[in-house]
Structures are given as C-alpha cells and as structure tokens.
Amino acid sequence: MRIDPHVHCRDGKLAYKETIEHTLKLCDEQGVDMIFDMPNTDPPLLTERDMAARLALVPREALKRYRLYLGATANEKQLRAAAGLVKECAQVVGIKLYAGHSVGALALPREADQRKVYTILAEAGYQGVLAVHAEKEKLFTRSFNPERPASHSQARGPEAEIASITDQIVFACAAKFQGTLHICHLSTGAALELVKAARDDLKITCGVTPHHLLWSSERQIGQEGLLYKVNPPLRELADNIALRQGLKSGEIDWIETDHAPHPLSEKLYPPYESGYPSLCLYRLLIEELLPYWGVREEIIKNVTCATIKKVFGERKF
C-alpha cells in the first residue's frame, strides 16, 4: 500500500484547478492507494457539515481511498468539534494549521492564535495529528518580482520556516500538547535539525515533497521559473542534499506530494499562484530515484505507508 498524506484536490469553487475524481485517476497512474486531502479549499473544511459535503463529492467506490483534514481556527468551539471528529470519524485524519498564508484564506499568522490552538487541543485531550504549514508571515518580504521568479525564495526565506517551526515546538511543549505535531513539507536542512532536536520533548514528525528533494531555486531562473513557484519555496542545492540524506537515514517520516495544480494562466500571470502538481512525480521518485540514491527498501516502505499508518492509527485505514 502507498499513501500520499498531503494533496490539494480543490473541488468546490476551485474545481477548475483540480478535483477529487481527477486526483484519484492520477493516483492510479502513480501507484498511490490512498490520499489525505487538505482543508484550504473554497469554502474551507472546518465543520462536520463541511466534512459531509466534501465526502459527498467522493465517488462511492473510492471512499476507502480518501481521507481529509479539517482546518484550525482560533475559535474554541470549532477546534473542539474538529478534535472530536478526528477521534470519532475514520475519514478525518487530523487538523491542519496554517501558521502563515499560502493559498486560500485559511491561516492563523498571529503567534497568539497559534498558541491558543495548542492550548485548546491540549485541554480537550486531543491525541491526534496537528499538521502545520510552518512559515512565519512577519518574516516575509515584498521582494518577489515575477520577472525574476527565483526572488520568491528570498521573499519567503528559510528563516521564515525555521522561526515558525521553532514557534510550533515551543507552543506544543508549553501547552503539554499530547498529540503528534507534524511539520509539513520541509524545505531546509536546518528545519530537519530542529525536528530531530525536538523528538526528546514531544511527538513530532516531518514530511518532504518530491519537489523539495529534486529541485533547487535554480529551477526558477528564467520566466518558466514561475511554474516552480511553491510554498515554502525551493531552496539551495545543499538543502536538497540534506533532505535526501535525512530520508536515507530514516529521519524524515514520510513523503507527501503537496499536489497543488493551478491553470497556467494563474501560474504565469497574476496572481502567480504557488503550487505544483507533484503527484505526477510520485512513481518516478519512489521506484527509481530513491533506490538510485541508496534509500533502503525498508525505509521506502516506511515513508510511503508504514510510518503513516503508525502515526495516524490503523483504524483510519
């Protein structure tokens, strides 16, 4: 079994970008058996009603292959209800916190609101997964210039990721958070070091995408570089190498594609959306590149299935 625990199927008002049905067809091509869908949809996935409406879009025969996250807000009632759904409903795998804006309106950039999420979930006895898009918005700059696509890597620099991960670890420890803190789509070697150092203090996992393993910010040189604009951005070659090494040594918990298609008209022209259809890279990465890099078969099984099942719990599968 192979699981992609991080995709953006869109649907709703964004069905012109991607749909659950099409994503599952891509899964068939790429050898993926199950997906976890993210909640920054339009409208966002926050409540039981949102969950039911979302599941109604899934082809009946494909329900066993589809799971979803609910989004985190600073509303205590919403968070407690979401925590209850993670516990009670096998289709809901966790809660997603956007610590900085990425694509869509779902975000909690204020540290006070992020801290509140951990406090509420800890008080509610939540023991599930809290996945975090970790970029500290106050460290973003206005340096992105679409005529120089690689400038995106400076506009959302590595320090924004590092600072946000530091925040999440501090907040989780202070609240005595009993769930699993998952740091999504690591982009730097320094971020991986932070996760490794925190493992003695809390349950923490991390994932890496095909694009952060394969490509550096040099891929964004030239106008076609807008196609490779992602959040967090592509980094230096040294970061690619550090993340590959972390995967090879078993320090990265799983591969997540962060599959996020947009029309070319939205990539090459305003709003210059961030995201890449990385599910299309899955089979190549898993079956050819990982063995070529010397990643052991046992680790490949862990990062595509075994560790995911262990962290989220067998009942979700």
Protein backbone atom coordinates (compact mmCIF):
# COMPACT_ATOMS: atom_id res chain seq x y z
CA MET A 1 0.00 0.00 0.00
CA ARG A 2 1.19 3.53 -0.81
CA ILE A 3 -0.30 6.63 0.81
CA ASP A 4 0.07 10.28 -0.18
CA PRO A 5 -0.84 12.11 3.04
CA HIS A 6 -0.85 15.63 1.57
CA VAL A 7 -2.79 16.62 -1.55
CA HIS A 8 -5.00 19.54 -2.60
CA CYS A 9 -7.97 18.24 -4.56
CA ARG A 10 -9.68 21.67 -4.57
CA ASP A 11 -13.22 20.98 -5.92
CA GLY A 12 -15.92 23.43 -4.82
CA LYS A 13 -15.31 26.88 -6.30
CA LEU A 14 -11.83 25.74 -7.33
CA ALA A 15 -12.85 22.64 -9.29
CA TYR A 16 -11.35 24.20 -12.42
CA LYS A 17 -7.92 23.67 -10.79
CA GLU A 18 -8.32 20.06 -9.63
CA THR A 19 -10.94 17.59 -8.42
CA ILE A 20 -11.06 14.55 -6.18
CA GLU A 21 -12.04 12.37 -9.13
CA HIS A 22 -9.11 13.51 -11.28
CA THR A 23 -6.65 13.25 -8.40
CA LEU A 24 -7.68 9.64 -7.86
CA LYS A 25 -7.13 8.92 -11.56
CA LEU A 26 -3.61 10.31 -11.17
CA CYS A 27 -3.19 8.06 -8.15
CA ASP A 28 -3.98 5.05 -10.32
CA GLU A 29 -1.27 6.13 -12.76
CA GLN A 30 1.25 6.78 -10.00
CA GLY A 31 0.62 3.71 -7.84
CA VAL A 32 -0.95 5.58 -4.91
CA ASP A 33 -3.66 3.77 -2.98
CA MET A 34 -4.87 6.48 -0.59
CA ILE A 35 -4.79 10.27 -0.25
CA PHE A 36 -5.25 12.76 2.59
CA ASP A 37 -6.88 15.97 1.32
CA MET A 38 -6.08 19.39 2.79
CA PRO A 39 -8.74 21.84 4.07
CA ASN A 40 -7.71 25.16 2.44
CA THR A 41 -10.47 24.72 -0.10
CA ASP A 42 -13.09 27.30 -1.08
CA PRO A 43 -15.07 27.13 1.10
CA PRO A 44 -12.60 25.75 3.70
CA LEU A 45 -13.20 22.47 5.53
CA LEU A 46 -13.88 23.38 9.16
CA THR A 47 -17.03 21.69 10.45
CA GLU A 48 -18.96 18.44 10.40
CA ARG A 49 -21.21 19.92 7.73
CA ASP A 50 -18.15 20.77 5.60
CA MET A 51 -16.88 17.23 6.09
CA ALA A 52 -20.18 15.70 4.98
CA ALA A 53 -20.37 17.95 1.91
CA ARG A 54 -16.82 17.05 0.98
CA LEU A 55 -17.33 13.32 1.35
CA ALA A 56 -20.42 13.57 -0.85
CA LEU A 57 -18.10 14.59 -3.71
CA VAL A 58 -16.06 11.38 -3.46
CA PRO A 59 -17.09 8.58 -5.85
CA ARG A 60 -18.76 5.96 -3.67
CA GLU A 61 -16.35 3.23 -4.71
CA ALA A 62 -13.40 5.47 -3.81
CA LEU A 63 -14.37 6.40 -0.23
CA LYS A 64 -11.97 3.80 1.16
CA ARG A 65 -9.12 5.65 -0.61
CA TYR A 66 -9.97 9.17 0.54
CA ARG A 67 -9.31 10.90 3.87
CA LEU A 68 -9.36 14.58 4.80
CA TYR A 69 -8.08 17.13 7.29
CA LEU A 70 -10.15 19.81 8.97
CA GLY A 71 -8.69 23.29 9.29
CA ALA A 72 -7.71 25.00 12.54
CA THR A 73 -9.16 28.36 13.54
CA ALA A 74 -8.85 30.33 16.77
CA ASN A 75 -12.49 29.50 17.60
CA GLU A 76 -12.56 27.15 20.60
CA LYS A 77 -15.91 25.60 19.69
CA GLN A 78 -14.72 24.83 16.15
CA LEU A 79 -11.43 23.35 17.35
CA ARG A 80 -13.04 21.13 19.96
CA ALA A 81 -15.59 19.89 17.44
CA ALA A 82 -12.83 19.18 14.91
CA ALA A 83 -10.87 17.27 17.56
CA GLY A 84 -13.97 15.19 18.26
CA LEU A 85 -14.40 14.37 14.58
CA VAL A 86 -10.78 13.20 14.31
CA LYS A 87 -11.44 10.85 17.22
CA GLU A 88 -14.84 9.62 16.05
CA CYS A 89 -14.69 9.56 12.25
CA ALA A 90 -12.24 7.37 10.35
CA GLN A 91 -12.45 9.65 7.31
CA VAL A 92 -10.99 12.63 9.22
CA VAL A 93 -7.28 12.08 9.81
CA GLY A 94 -6.23 15.28 11.59
CA ILE A 95 -6.29 19.05 11.97
CA LYS A 96 -4.29 21.40 9.74
CA LEU A 97 -2.85 24.68 11.00
CA TYR A 98 -1.60 27.26 8.52
CA ALA A 99 0.86 29.36 10.51
CA GLY A 100 1.18 31.70 7.54
CA HIS A 101 -0.90 32.37 4.45
CA SER A 102 -0.19 30.13 1.49
CA VAL A 103 -3.03 29.53 -1.00
CA GLY A 104 -6.51 30.44 0.19
CA ALA A 105 -7.75 32.34 3.20
CA LEU A 106 -7.25 29.66 5.86
CA ALA A 107 -4.39 30.89 8.08
CA LEU A 108 -3.51 31.92 11.64
CA PRO A 109 -0.43 34.13 11.23
CA ARG A 110 -0.62 35.63 14.75
CA GLU A 111 1.50 33.73 17.29
CA ALA A 112 -1.13 34.30 19.97
CA ASP A 113 -3.72 32.45 17.88
CA GLN A 114 -1.31 29.62 17.14
CA ARG A 115 -0.53 29.24 20.83
CA LYS A 116 -4.28 29.19 21.52
CA VAL A 117 -4.72 26.23 19.15
CA TYR A 118 -2.25 24.13 21.13
CA THR A 119 -3.78 25.16 24.45
CA ILE A 120 -7.34 24.33 23.38
CA LEU A 121 -6.37 21.00 21.86
CA ALA A 122 -4.33 20.06 24.92
CA GLU A 123 -7.24 20.93 27.23
CA ALA A 124 -9.55 18.88 25.01
CA GLY A 125 -7.27 15.87 25.41
CA TYR A 126 -6.59 15.73 21.67
CA GLN A 127 -4.13 12.98 20.79
CA GLY A 128 -4.37 13.08 17.01
CA VAL A 129 -2.22 14.75 14.38
CA LEU A 130 -1.85 18.53 14.10
CA ALA A 131 -0.20 19.18 10.74
CA VAL A 132 1.39 22.61 10.33
CA HIS A 133 2.33 24.69 7.33
CA ALA A 134 5.22 26.39 9.12
CA GLU A 135 6.19 29.76 7.66
CA LYS A 136 6.34 32.87 9.84
CA GLU A 137 4.48 35.54 7.94
CA LYS A 138 6.05 38.53 9.69
CA LEU A 139 9.40 37.46 8.18
CA PHE A 140 8.08 37.53 4.61
CA THR A 141 9.33 40.41 2.48
CA ARG A 142 7.97 42.17 -0.59
CA SER A 143 10.94 41.16 -2.71
CA PHE A 144 9.06 38.80 -5.05
CA ASN A 145 9.29 40.03 -8.63
CA PRO A 146 7.54 37.86 -11.26
CA GLU A 147 10.15 38.95 -13.79
CA ARG A 148 12.68 37.20 -11.52
CA PRO A 149 10.79 34.09 -10.31
CA ALA A 150 13.71 32.95 -8.13
CA SER A 151 13.09 36.04 -5.97
CA HIS A 152 10.23 34.08 -4.37
CA SER A 153 12.86 32.12 -2.44
CA GLN A 154 14.03 35.35 -0.82
CA ALA A 155 10.54 36.77 -0.26
CA ARG A 156 9.71 33.71 1.87
CA GLY A 157 13.22 32.98 3.06
CA PRO A 158 14.42 29.93 5.00
CA GLU A 159 14.40 31.96 8.21
CA ALA A 160 10.59 32.14 7.99
CA GLU A 161 10.33 28.35 8.03
CA ILE A 162 12.93 27.93 10.77
CA ALA A 163 11.33 30.57 13.01
CA SER A 164 7.86 29.11 12.59
CA ILE A 165 8.95 25.56 13.37
CA THR A 166 10.68 26.90 16.47
CA ASP A 167 7.40 28.58 17.46
CA GLN A 168 5.38 25.40 16.98
CA ILE A 169 7.74 23.36 19.13
CA VAL A 170 7.68 25.99 21.88
CA PHE A 171 3.89 26.27 21.81
CA ALA A 172 3.39 22.49 21.81
CA CYS A 173 5.73 21.97 24.74
CA ALA A 174 4.29 24.89 26.76
CA ALA A 175 0.75 23.59 26.31
CA LYS A 176 1.79 20.00 27.07
CA PHE A 177 0.26 19.02 23.75
CA GLN A 178 -0.30 15.25 23.70
CA GLY A 179 -0.97 14.81 20.01
CA THR A 180 1.53 14.48 17.19
CA LEU A 181 2.92 17.71 15.77
CA HIS A 182 3.58 17.15 12.07
CA ILE A 183 5.73 19.68 10.20
CA CYS A 184 4.66 19.62 6.56
CA HIS A 185 6.93 19.89 3.51
CA LEU A 186 10.35 20.63 4.99
CA SER A 187 12.40 22.79 2.63
CA THR A 188 15.70 23.18 4.51
CA GLY A 189 18.28 21.06 6.26
CA ALA A 190 18.10 23.43 9.25
CA ALA A 191 14.38 22.71 9.61
CA LEU A 192 15.09 18.99 9.77
CA GLU A 193 17.66 19.60 12.52
CA LEU A 194 15.02 21.42 14.59
CA VAL A 195 12.63 18.49 14.27
CA LYS A 196 15.31 15.99 15.23
CA ALA A 197 16.27 18.02 18.30
CA ALA A 198 12.63 18.21 19.46
CA ARG A 199 11.96 14.48 19.40
CA ASP A 200 13.01 14.05 23.03
CA ASP A 201 10.40 16.59 24.15
CA LEU A 202 7.26 15.77 22.15
CA LYS A 203 5.76 13.58 19.47
CA ILE A 204 6.85 15.25 16.25
CA THR A 205 7.04 14.08 12.65
CA CYS A 206 8.02 15.71 9.37
CA GLY A 207 7.43 15.20 5.67
CA VAL A 208 9.19 16.12 2.46
CA THR A 209 7.87 16.67 -1.07
CA PRO A 210 9.25 15.42 -4.37
CA HIS A 211 9.93 18.98 -5.49
CA HIS A 212 11.96 19.86 -2.38
CA LEU A 213 14.01 16.71 -2.88
CA LEU A 214 14.56 17.18 -6.60
CA TRP A 215 14.92 20.87 -7.40
CA SER A 216 16.80 23.87 -6.05
CA SER A 217 15.85 27.52 -6.58
CA GLU A 218 17.96 27.46 -9.74
CA ARG A 219 14.96 25.75 -11.36
CA GLN A 220 13.23 29.15 -11.10
CA ILE A 221 15.76 31.05 -13.17
CA GLY A 222 14.06 32.40 -16.28
CA GLN A 223 10.40 33.18 -16.92
CA GLU A 224 9.42 29.49 -16.88
CA GLY A 225 10.56 29.55 -13.27
CA LEU A 226 7.09 30.74 -12.30
CA LEU A 227 5.91 27.18 -12.92
CA TYR A 228 8.07 26.09 -9.97
CA LYS A 229 6.80 28.69 -7.50
CA VAL A 230 5.74 26.76 -4.38
CA ASN A 231 5.27 27.43 -0.66
CA PRO A 232 7.64 27.01 1.06
CA PRO A 233 9.91 27.90 -1.86
CA LEU A 234 12.58 25.82 -3.48
CA ARG A 235 15.89 26.29 -1.66
CA GLU A 236 19.60 25.76 -2.22
CA LEU A 237 21.20 22.58 -3.57
CA ALA A 238 22.69 22.00 -0.10
CA ASP A 239 19.13 21.76 1.26
CA ASN A 240 18.15 19.23 -1.42
CA ILE A 241 21.12 17.12 -0.40
CA ALA A 242 20.39 17.46 3.34
CA LEU A 243 16.78 16.38 2.83
CA ARG A 244 17.80 13.42 0.68
CA GLN A 245 20.25 12.39 3.38
CA GLY A 246 17.54 12.76 6.04
CA LEU A 247 15.31 10.50 4.01
CA LYS A 248 18.07 7.96 3.50
CA SER A 249 18.85 7.87 7.23
CA GLY A 250 15.21 7.47 8.24
CA GLU A 251 14.97 10.89 9.92
CA ILE A 252 12.16 12.10 7.62
CA ASP A 253 8.92 10.33 8.42
CA TRP A 254 7.13 10.32 5.10
CA ILE A 255 6.91 11.61 1.57
CA GLU A 256 3.98 13.91 0.87
CA THR A 257 3.50 15.33 -2.61
CA ASP A 258 1.65 18.56 -1.68
CA HIS A 259 -0.02 18.04 -5.07
CA ALA A 260 -1.39 21.50 -5.93
CA PRO A 261 -2.27 22.18 -9.57
CA HIS A 262 -3.19 25.61 -10.94
CA PRO A 263 -4.00 26.68 -14.51
CA LEU A 264 -1.06 28.09 -16.46
CA SER A 265 -2.94 31.39 -16.61
CA GLU A 266 -2.67 31.65 -12.80
CA LYS A 267 0.96 30.48 -12.66
CA LEU A 268 2.46 32.65 -15.41
CA TYR A 269 0.23 35.67 -14.84
CA PRO A 270 -1.37 37.32 -11.77
CA PRO A 271 -1.97 36.06 -9.14
CA TYR A 272 1.22 33.98 -9.81
CA GLU A 273 -0.10 31.12 -7.69
CA SER A 274 2.16 28.84 -5.65
CA GLY A 275 1.86 25.09 -6.12
CA TYR A 276 3.00 22.23 -8.32
CA PRO A 277 1.20 19.02 -9.43
CA SER A 278 3.80 16.87 -7.71
CA LEU A 279 1.68 13.73 -7.59
CA CYS A 280 2.86 13.31 -11.20
CA LEU A 281 6.38 12.78 -9.85
CA TYR A 282 5.50 10.09 -7.30
CA ARG A 283 6.21 6.86 -9.19
CA LEU A 284 9.48 8.17 -10.60
CA LEU A 285 10.64 9.25 -7.14
CA ILE A 286 9.62 6.10 -5.28
CA GLU A 287 10.50 3.44 -7.82
CA GLU A 288 13.57 4.90 -9.50
CA LEU A 289 15.18 7.83 -7.70
CA LEU A 290 15.01 6.61 -4.10
CA PRO A 291 16.68 3.27 -4.94
CA TYR A 292 19.22 5.15 -7.08
CA TRP A 293 20.05 7.40 -4.10
CA GLY A 294 20.62 4.32 -1.97
CA VAL A 295 17.45 4.51 0.14
CA ARG A 296 16.83 1.06 1.60
CA GLU A 297 13.63 -0.81 0.73
CA GLU A 298 12.59 -0.85 4.39
CA ILE A 299 12.77 2.95 4.55
CA ILE A 300 10.85 3.28 1.28
CA LYS A 301 8.06 1.17 2.80
CA ASN A 302 8.11 3.33 5.93
CA VAL A 303 7.93 6.70 4.16
CA THR A 304 5.18 5.56 1.79
CA CYS A 305 3.00 3.62 4.21
CA ALA A 306 4.17 2.01 7.45
CA THR A 307 5.07 5.15 9.43
CA ILE A 308 1.94 6.94 8.19
CA LYS A 309 -0.25 4.10 9.44
CA LYS A 310 1.57 4.02 12.77
CA VAL A 311 1.21 7.76 13.41
CA PHE A 312 -2.40 8.15 12.30
CA GLY A 313 -3.58 4.82 13.72
CA GLU A 314 -4.69 1.67 11.94
CA ARG A 315 -8.39 2.48 12.35
CA LYS A 316 -8.02 5.30 9.83
CA PHE A 317 -7.16 2.73 7.16
